[in-house]
């Protein structure tokens, strides 16, 4: 899953829910039970802000 997310980031085609284009690869993330959202982990800390989450339907 993380590899697919990072490919989309590398292509410049992935945004978070705030609409910000992501440009740095993720090293870790949490995925919701329903598999619809991904929350990045930054420096070992989960970023659980709604706007920072990524909708996985973009992948």
Foldseek 3Di string as FASTA:
>chain_A
DLVVVQVCLCVQQWAFQLRHTHNDRAPDWDADPVRQKIFGQDPNRTDPDRRRITGPVSD
